[in-house]
Amino acid sequence: MADKTFKANDPITVKFQAVGGRADLTVQMDVFDTTDAKVLGQCVVMAPVADAPGAYSAAFTPNAEGDWLVRITDSGGGKAIKSFSVGPVNLKDVATTVNAVGNAVVTVDGKADAINAAVGGVAAAVADMRTVVNAIQTQVGTLGDSQAMIG
């Protein structure tokens, strides 16, 4: 069983590290499809990776969903086998989308906090104005009780 899910028709980069960091090897990557048939058009000699002694890289593009197998052999006797689970989506893309949604929620939460703070400020200002209006009404009421002064 493969440990990652990749999307059909998207290239998959495969990396191989030679034992002892040997950079003088011929490294062959053979690709097998979901029916375990060798896909000749996808089998290639892997290229050395610059500034990474003994590292090699190549890519293949699966054209169907299911488990794909890559077998790597090098001229020094090294071997590796890796399975890739291919489906309708790439889990990396799903993770990116989930992270974007999470960031949007944080942004909305931040704006909601700012709105709540502003509403709280407005409510406090209205309460202060109510106190002032009540004081004015009290003063006006007091004036209404006094006699007019004519001079």
N, C-alpha and C. Protein backbone atom coordinates (compact mmCIF):
# COMPACT_ATOMS: atom_id res chain seq x y z
N MET A 1 0.85 -1.19 0.00
CA MET A 1 0.00 0.00 0.00
C MET A 1 0.88 1.24 0.00
N ALA A 2 0.51 2.19 -0.77
CA ALA A 2 1.27 3.43 -0.89
C ALA A 2 1.02 4.32 0.32
N ASP A 3 1.95 5.24 0.56
CA ASP A 3 1.81 6.10 1.72
C ASP A 3 1.39 7.52 1.39
N LYS A 4 1.18 7.83 0.12
CA LYS A 4 0.72 9.17 -0.27
C LYS A 4 -0.28 9.03 -1.40
N THR A 5 -1.10 10.02 -1.56
CA THR A 5 -2.04 10.01 -2.67
C THR A 5 -1.68 11.14 -3.62
N PHE A 6 -1.55 10.78 -4.88
CA PHE A 6 -1.24 11.72 -5.95
C PHE A 6 -2.39 11.73 -6.94
N LYS A 7 -2.45 12.77 -7.75
CA LYS A 7 -3.53 12.92 -8.71
C LYS A 7 -3.13 12.35 -10.07
N ALA A 8 -4.07 11.62 -10.68
CA ALA A 8 -3.84 11.08 -12.02
C ALA A 8 -3.54 12.22 -12.99
N ASN A 9 -2.62 11.97 -13.89
CA ASN A 9 -2.19 12.91 -14.94
C ASN A 9 -1.36 14.09 -14.42
N ASP A 10 -0.95 14.05 -13.16
CA ASP A 10 -0.02 15.04 -12.62
C ASP A 10 1.34 14.36 -12.46
N PRO A 11 2.43 15.02 -12.85
CA PRO A 11 3.75 14.40 -12.71
C PRO A 11 4.11 14.14 -11.24
N ILE A 12 4.80 13.04 -11.02
CA ILE A 12 5.30 12.69 -9.69
C ILE A 12 6.82 12.65 -9.79
N THR A 13 7.49 13.43 -8.95
CA THR A 13 8.95 13.43 -8.93
C THR A 13 9.42 12.37 -7.94
N VAL A 14 10.35 11.54 -8.41
CA VAL A 14 10.91 10.46 -7.60
C VAL A 14 12.38 10.79 -7.34
N LYS A 15 12.80 10.66 -6.09
CA LYS A 15 14.19 10.92 -5.74
C LYS A 15 14.83 9.65 -5.19
N PHE A 16 16.11 9.50 -5.45
CA PHE A 16 16.86 8.32 -5.01
C PHE A 16 18.20 8.80 -4.48
N GLN A 17 18.62 8.26 -3.34
CA GLN A 17 19.92 8.59 -2.76
C GLN A 17 20.79 7.35 -2.82
N ALA A 18 21.89 7.43 -3.55
CA ALA A 18 22.81 6.30 -3.69
C ALA A 18 23.60 6.10 -2.40
N VAL A 19 23.88 4.85 -2.09
CA VAL A 19 24.67 4.51 -0.91
C VAL A 19 26.06 5.15 -1.06
N GLY A 20 26.53 5.76 0.01
CA GLY A 20 27.85 6.37 0.00
C GLY A 20 27.91 7.68 -0.78
N GLY A 21 26.77 8.19 -1.20
CA GLY A 21 26.75 9.47 -1.92
C GLY A 21 27.42 9.40 -3.28
N ARG A 22 27.44 8.22 -3.88
CA ARG A 22 28.12 8.05 -5.17
C ARG A 22 27.38 8.80 -6.27
N ALA A 23 28.12 9.63 -6.98
CA ALA A 23 27.55 10.41 -8.07
C ALA A 23 27.96 9.88 -9.44
N ASP A 24 28.67 8.74 -9.46
CA ASP A 24 29.18 8.18 -10.71
C ASP A 24 28.37 6.99 -11.21
N LEU A 25 27.14 6.86 -10.75
CA LEU A 25 26.33 5.69 -11.08
C LEU A 25 25.35 5.98 -12.22
N THR A 26 24.92 4.91 -12.86
CA THR A 26 23.79 4.98 -13.77
C THR A 26 22.60 4.46 -12.96
N VAL A 27 21.58 5.29 -12.83
CA VAL A 27 20.42 4.93 -12.00
C VAL A 27 19.20 4.82 -12.91
N GLN A 28 18.61 3.63 -12.94
CA GLN A 28 17.46 3.34 -13.81
C GLN A 28 16.18 3.34 -12.99
N MET A 29 15.16 4.08 -13.48
CA MET A 29 13.84 4.07 -12.84
C MET A 29 12.86 3.36 -13.79
N ASP A 30 12.29 2.27 -13.31
CA ASP A 30 11.26 1.54 -14.07
C ASP A 30 9.92 1.78 -13.40
N VAL A 31 8.90 2.04 -14.21
CA VAL A 31 7.57 2.38 -13.72
C VAL A 31 6.59 1.28 -14.13
N PHE A 32 5.76 0.86 -13.16
CA PHE A 32 4.76 -0.18 -13.39
C PHE A 32 3.38 0.40 -13.06
N ASP A 33 2.42 0.17 -13.95
CA ASP A 33 1.08 0.75 -13.78
C ASP A 33 0.23 -0.09 -12.84
N THR A 34 -1.05 0.23 -12.77
CA THR A 34 -1.98 -0.42 -11.83
C THR A 34 -2.20 -1.90 -12.13
N THR A 35 -1.82 -2.33 -13.33
CA THR A 35 -1.95 -3.76 -13.69
C THR A 35 -0.61 -4.47 -13.57
N ASP A 36 0.38 -3.79 -12.99
CA ASP A 36 1.75 -4.28 -12.84
C ASP A 36 2.49 -4.44 -14.16
N ALA A 37 1.99 -3.78 -15.20
CA ALA A 37 2.68 -3.79 -16.49
C ALA A 37 3.72 -2.68 -16.51
N LYS A 38 4.91 -3.00 -17.02
CA LYS A 38 5.97 -2.01 -17.14
C LYS A 38 5.57 -0.99 -18.20
N VAL A 39 5.66 0.30 -17.85
CA VAL A 39 5.28 1.38 -18.76
C VAL A 39 6.56 1.90 -19.40
N LEU A 40 6.88 1.36 -20.57
CA LEU A 40 8.16 1.65 -21.21
C LEU A 40 8.39 3.14 -21.45
N GLY A 41 7.38 3.87 -21.83
CA GLY A 41 7.53 5.30 -22.08
C GLY A 41 7.84 6.12 -20.85
N GLN A 42 7.66 5.54 -19.67
CA GLN A 42 7.91 6.26 -18.41
C GLN A 42 9.21 5.80 -17.73
N CYS A 43 9.83 4.74 -18.24
CA CYS A 43 11.07 4.23 -17.67
C CYS A 43 12.23 5.07 -18.18
N VAL A 44 13.03 5.61 -17.26
CA VAL A 44 14.10 6.53 -17.64
C VAL A 44 15.34 6.32 -16.78
N VAL A 45 16.46 6.86 -17.27
CA VAL A 45 17.67 6.96 -16.46
C VAL A 45 17.52 8.23 -15.64
N MET A 46 17.68 8.10 -14.34
CA MET A 46 17.51 9.25 -13.44
C MET A 46 18.71 10.20 -13.57
N ALA A 47 18.44 11.49 -13.43
CA ALA A 47 19.48 12.51 -13.54
C ALA A 47 20.05 12.83 -12.16
N PRO A 48 21.37 13.08 -12.10
CA PRO A 48 21.96 13.51 -10.83
C PRO A 48 21.38 14.87 -10.41
N VAL A 49 21.22 15.06 -9.11
CA VAL A 49 20.72 16.33 -8.58
C VAL A 49 21.93 17.22 -8.26
N ALA A 50 21.93 18.43 -8.79
CA ALA A 50 23.04 19.36 -8.56
C ALA A 50 23.19 19.66 -7.08
N ASP A 51 24.41 19.77 -6.63
CA ASP A 51 24.74 20.12 -5.24
C ASP A 51 24.19 19.14 -4.22
N ALA A 52 23.94 17.89 -4.65
CA ALA A 52 23.47 16.85 -3.72
C ALA A 52 24.16 15.54 -4.12
N PRO A 53 25.38 15.33 -3.63
CA PRO A 53 26.15 14.15 -4.03
C PRO A 53 25.38 12.85 -3.80
N GLY A 54 25.28 12.06 -4.85
CA GLY A 54 24.62 10.76 -4.78
C GLY A 54 23.12 10.81 -4.90
N ALA A 55 22.56 12.00 -5.09
CA ALA A 55 21.11 12.12 -5.24
C ALA A 55 20.76 12.13 -6.72
N TYR A 56 19.67 11.45 -7.04
CA TYR A 56 19.20 11.35 -8.42
C TYR A 56 17.70 11.64 -8.43
N SER A 57 17.21 12.13 -9.56
CA SER A 57 15.79 12.50 -9.64
C SER A 57 15.25 12.23 -11.04
N ALA A 58 13.98 11.87 -11.09
CA ALA A 58 13.25 11.69 -12.35
C ALA A 58 11.77 11.81 -12.04
N ALA A 59 10.96 11.95 -13.07
CA ALA A 59 9.52 12.07 -12.87
C ALA A 59 8.79 11.13 -13.82
N PHE A 60 7.59 10.75 -13.40
CA PHE A 60 6.69 10.00 -14.27
C PHE A 60 5.29 10.57 -14.07
N THR A 61 4.42 10.31 -15.02
CA THR A 61 3.05 10.82 -14.95
C THR A 61 2.07 9.66 -15.04
N PRO A 62 1.44 9.31 -13.92
CA PRO A 62 0.45 8.22 -13.95
C PRO A 62 -0.81 8.67 -14.68
N ASN A 63 -1.35 7.79 -15.52
CA ASN A 63 -2.53 8.18 -16.31
C ASN A 63 -3.80 7.48 -15.86
N ALA A 64 -3.73 6.78 -14.73
CA ALA A 64 -4.91 6.08 -14.22
C ALA A 64 -4.84 6.03 -12.69
N GLU A 65 -6.00 5.91 -12.08
CA GLU A 65 -6.06 5.80 -10.62
C GLU A 65 -5.70 4.38 -10.20
N GLY A 66 -5.08 4.28 -9.03
CA GLY A 66 -4.68 2.99 -8.49
C GLY A 66 -3.27 3.08 -7.95
N ASP A 67 -2.69 1.93 -7.60
CA ASP A 67 -1.33 1.91 -7.07
C ASP A 67 -0.33 1.71 -8.20
N TRP A 68 0.64 2.60 -8.26
CA TRP A 68 1.72 2.56 -9.23
C TRP A 68 3.00 2.20 -8.49
N LEU A 69 3.89 1.46 -9.14
CA LEU A 69 5.12 1.01 -8.51
C LEU A 69 6.31 1.54 -9.30
N VAL A 70 7.32 2.00 -8.57
CA VAL A 70 8.57 2.44 -9.19
C VAL A 70 9.68 1.57 -8.61
N ARG A 71 10.46 0.99 -9.52
CA ARG A 71 11.62 0.19 -9.10
C ARG A 71 12.87 0.91 -9.60
N ILE A 72 13.78 1.16 -8.68
CA ILE A 72 15.02 1.87 -9.02
C ILE A 72 16.19 0.93 -8.79
N THR A 73 17.08 0.86 -9.77
CA THR A 73 18.31 0.08 -9.63
C THR A 73 19.47 0.96 -10.09
N ASP A 74 20.61 0.80 -9.42
CA ASP A 74 21.77 1.57 -9.88
C ASP A 74 22.90 0.62 -10.27
N SER A 75 23.85 1.14 -11.00
CA SER A 75 24.94 0.32 -11.53
C SER A 75 25.88 -0.18 -10.43
N GLY A 76 25.73 0.31 -9.22
CA GLY A 76 26.53 -0.15 -8.09
C GLY A 76 25.84 -1.23 -7.28
N GLY A 77 24.67 -1.66 -7.72
CA GLY A 77 23.94 -2.72 -7.03
C GLY A 77 22.85 -2.23 -6.08
N GLY A 78 22.67 -0.93 -5.98
CA GLY A 78 21.63 -0.39 -5.12
C GLY A 78 20.25 -0.58 -5.72
N LYS A 79 19.25 -0.75 -4.84
CA LYS A 79 17.87 -0.95 -5.30
C LYS A 79 16.91 -0.24 -4.36
N ALA A 80 15.79 0.16 -4.92
CA ALA A 80 14.71 0.73 -4.12
C ALA A 80 13.40 0.49 -4.84
N ILE A 81 12.34 0.30 -4.06
CA ILE A 81 11.00 0.14 -4.62
C ILE A 81 10.08 1.07 -3.85
N LYS A 82 9.25 1.77 -4.58
CA LYS A 82 8.33 2.72 -3.96
C LYS A 82 6.97 2.61 -4.63
N SER A 83 5.92 2.64 -3.83
CA SER A 83 4.55 2.59 -4.35
C SER A 83 3.92 3.96 -4.21
N PHE A 84 3.13 4.34 -5.21
CA PHE A 84 2.43 5.63 -5.21
C PHE A 84 0.95 5.38 -5.43
N SER A 85 0.12 5.86 -4.52
CA SER A 85 -1.33 5.72 -4.64
C SER A 85 -1.85 6.93 -5.43
N VAL A 86 -2.51 6.63 -6.54
CA VAL A 86 -2.98 7.69 -7.44
C VAL A 86 -4.51 7.71 -7.40
N GLY A 87 -5.07 8.89 -7.23
CA GLY A 87 -6.52 9.03 -7.15
C GLY A 87 -6.99 10.27 -7.89
N PRO A 88 -8.23 10.69 -7.60
CA PRO A 88 -8.81 11.84 -8.31
C PRO A 88 -8.29 13.18 -7.80
N VAL A 89 -7.65 13.19 -6.63
CA VAL A 89 -7.12 14.43 -6.07
C VAL A 89 -5.73 14.19 -5.52
N ASN A 90 -5.00 15.26 -5.38
CA ASN A 90 -3.69 15.22 -4.76
C ASN A 90 -3.88 15.70 -3.32
N LEU A 91 -3.48 14.90 -2.34
CA LEU A 91 -3.69 15.28 -0.94
C LEU A 91 -2.99 16.59 -0.60
N LYS A 92 -1.90 16.88 -1.27
CA LYS A 92 -1.22 18.15 -1.04
C LYS A 92 -2.13 19.32 -1.42
N ASP A 93 -2.87 19.17 -2.53
CA ASP A 93 -3.81 20.22 -2.94
C ASP A 93 -4.94 20.37 -1.92
N VAL A 94 -5.42 19.24 -1.39
CA VAL A 94 -6.48 19.28 -0.38
C VAL A 94 -5.97 20.00 0.86
N ALA A 95 -4.75 19.68 1.28
CA ALA A 95 -4.18 20.33 2.46
C ALA A 95 -4.05 21.84 2.23
N THR A 96 -3.63 22.23 1.04
CA THR A 96 -3.51 23.65 0.71
C THR A 96 -4.86 24.34 0.81
N THR A 97 -5.90 23.70 0.30
CA THR A 97 -7.25 24.26 0.35
C THR A 97 -7.74 24.37 1.79
N VAL A 98 -7.51 23.33 2.58
CA VAL A 98 -7.93 23.34 3.99
C VAL A 98 -7.21 24.47 4.73
N ASN A 99 -5.91 24.63 4.47
CA ASN A 99 -5.16 25.71 5.12
C ASN A 99 -5.70 27.08 4.71
N ALA A 100 -6.06 27.23 3.44
CA ALA A 100 -6.61 28.51 2.97
C ALA A 100 -7.93 28.81 3.66
N VAL A 101 -8.77 27.79 3.81
CA VAL A 101 -10.05 27.98 4.51
C VAL A 101 -9.78 28.35 5.97
N GLY A 102 -8.83 27.67 6.59
CA GLY A 102 -8.49 27.99 7.98
C GLY A 102 -8.00 29.42 8.13
N ASN A 103 -7.18 29.88 7.19
CA ASN A 103 -6.70 31.26 7.22
C ASN A 103 -7.84 32.25 7.04
N ALA A 104 -8.79 31.92 6.17
CA ALA A 104 -9.95 32.79 5.96
C ALA A 104 -10.78 32.89 7.24
N VAL A 105 -10.94 31.77 7.94
CA VAL A 105 -11.71 31.76 9.19
C VAL A 105 -11.01 32.64 10.22
N VAL A 106 -9.69 32.55 10.30
CA VAL A 106 -8.93 33.38 11.24
C VAL A 106 -9.13 34.85 10.89
N THR A 107 -9.10 35.17 9.58
CA THR A 107 -9.30 36.55 9.14
C THR A 107 -10.69 37.04 9.53
N VAL A 108 -11.71 36.22 9.30
CA VAL A 108 -13.08 36.59 9.67
C VAL A 108 -13.19 36.75 11.18
N ASP A 109 -12.58 35.81 11.93
CA ASP A 109 -12.61 35.92 13.39
C ASP A 109 -11.97 37.23 13.84
N GLY A 110 -10.85 37.59 13.22
CA GLY A 110 -10.18 38.84 13.56
C GLY A 110 -11.06 40.04 13.28
N LYS A 111 -11.76 40.02 12.15
CA LYS A 111 -12.66 41.13 11.81
C LYS A 111 -13.85 41.15 12.77
N ALA A 112 -14.35 39.98 13.14
CA ALA A 112 -15.47 39.92 14.08
C ALA A 112 -15.05 40.51 15.42
N ASP A 113 -13.82 40.21 15.85
CA ASP A 113 -13.33 40.79 17.10
C ASP A 113 -13.25 42.31 17.01
N ALA A 114 -12.79 42.82 15.87
CA ALA A 114 -12.71 44.27 15.67
C ALA A 114 -14.09 44.90 15.67
N ILE A 115 -15.04 44.24 15.01
CA ILE A 115 -16.43 44.74 14.98
C ILE A 115 -17.01 44.74 16.39
N ASN A 116 -16.80 43.66 17.13
CA ASN A 116 -17.30 43.59 18.51
C ASN A 116 -16.70 44.70 19.37
N ALA A 117 -15.41 44.98 19.18
CA ALA A 117 -14.78 46.05 19.95
C ALA A 117 -15.38 47.41 19.57
N ALA A 118 -15.62 47.63 18.27
CA ALA A 118 -16.21 48.90 17.83
C ALA A 118 -17.62 49.05 18.37
N VAL A 119 -18.41 47.98 18.32
CA VAL A 119 -19.78 48.01 18.84
C VAL A 119 -19.75 48.30 20.34
N GLY A 120 -18.80 47.70 21.04
CA GLY A 120 -18.67 47.96 22.48
C GLY A 120 -18.36 49.43 22.74
N GLY A 121 -17.49 50.02 21.89
CA GLY A 121 -17.16 51.44 22.02
C GLY A 121 -18.36 52.33 21.76
N VAL A 122 -19.14 51.99 20.74
CA VAL A 122 -20.35 52.76 20.42
C VAL A 122 -21.35 52.63 21.57
N ALA A 123 -21.51 51.44 22.11
CA ALA A 123 -22.45 51.24 23.22
C ALA A 123 -22.04 52.08 24.43
N ALA A 124 -20.74 52.15 24.69
CA ALA A 124 -20.26 52.97 25.82
C ALA A 124 -20.52 54.45 25.56
N ALA A 125 -20.32 54.89 24.32
CA ALA A 125 -20.57 56.30 23.97
C ALA A 125 -22.05 56.62 24.11
N VAL A 126 -22.92 55.71 23.68
CA VAL A 126 -24.37 55.92 23.81
C VAL A 126 -24.75 56.00 25.29
N ALA A 127 -24.16 55.15 26.11
CA ALA A 127 -24.45 55.19 27.54
C ALA A 127 -24.01 56.52 28.14
N ASP A 128 -22.84 57.01 27.72
CA ASP A 128 -22.37 58.32 28.20
C ASP A 128 -23.32 59.43 27.76
N MET A 129 -23.78 59.37 26.51
CA MET A 129 -24.72 60.38 26.01
C MET A 129 -26.03 60.32 26.77
N ARG A 130 -26.48 59.12 27.11
CA ARG A 130 -27.72 58.97 27.86
C ARG A 130 -27.58 59.65 29.22
N THR A 131 -26.43 59.50 29.84
CA THR A 131 -26.18 60.14 31.14
C THR A 131 -26.23 61.66 31.00
N VAL A 132 -25.61 62.19 29.94
CA VAL A 132 -25.62 63.64 29.71
C VAL A 132 -27.03 64.13 29.44
N VAL A 133 -27.79 63.43 28.60
CA VAL A 133 -29.17 63.82 28.28
C VAL A 133 -30.02 63.80 29.55
N ASN A 134 -29.87 62.78 30.36
CA ASN A 134 -30.63 62.71 31.62
C ASN A 134 -30.29 63.89 32.53
N ALA A 135 -29.02 64.26 32.57
CA ALA A 135 -28.62 65.41 33.40
C ALA A 135 -29.23 66.70 32.86
N ILE A 136 -29.23 66.86 31.53
CA ILE A 136 -29.84 68.05 30.92
C ILE A 136 -31.33 68.09 31.20
N GLN A 137 -31.99 66.93 31.07
CA GLN A 137 -33.43 66.89 31.34
C GLN A 137 -33.71 67.26 32.79
N THR A 138 -32.87 66.83 33.68
CA THR A 138 -33.04 67.18 35.09
C THR A 138 -32.91 68.69 35.27
N GLN A 139 -31.93 69.30 34.63
CA GLN A 139 -31.72 70.75 34.72
C GLN A 139 -32.90 71.50 34.11
N VAL A 140 -33.37 71.02 32.94
CA VAL A 140 -34.52 71.66 32.29
C VAL A 140 -35.75 71.53 33.18
N GLY A 141 -35.92 70.38 33.77
CA GLY A 141 -37.06 70.20 34.68
C GLY A 141 -36.99 71.14 35.86
N THR A 142 -35.82 71.39 36.37
CA THR A 142 -35.63 72.32 37.48
C THR A 142 -35.96 73.74 37.06
N LEU A 143 -35.57 74.13 35.86
CA LEU A 143 -35.88 75.47 35.35
C LEU A 143 -37.38 75.65 35.18
N GLY A 144 -38.06 74.61 34.80
CA GLY A 144 -39.50 74.71 34.60
C GLY A 144 -40.24 74.97 35.90
N ASP A 145 -39.65 74.58 37.03
CA ASP A 145 -40.28 74.78 38.32
C ASP A 145 -40.03 76.18 38.88
N SER A 146 -39.06 76.90 38.37
CA SER A 146 -38.74 78.22 38.93
C SER A 146 -39.61 79.31 38.29
N GLN A 147 -39.76 80.42 39.02
CA GLN A 147 -40.56 81.55 38.55
C GLN A 147 -39.75 82.36 37.55
N ALA A 148 -40.45 82.90 36.60
CA ALA A 148 -39.79 83.76 35.62
C ALA A 148 -39.36 85.04 36.31
N MET A 149 -38.23 85.48 35.97
CA MET A 149 -37.71 86.72 36.57
C MET A 149 -37.81 87.82 35.53
N ILE A 150 -38.45 88.86 35.93
CA ILE A 150 -38.58 89.99 35.02
C ILE A 150 -37.87 91.15 35.68
N GLY A 151 -37.05 91.81 34.94
CA GLY A 151 -36.28 92.85 35.55
C GLY A 151 -36.57 94.23 35.11
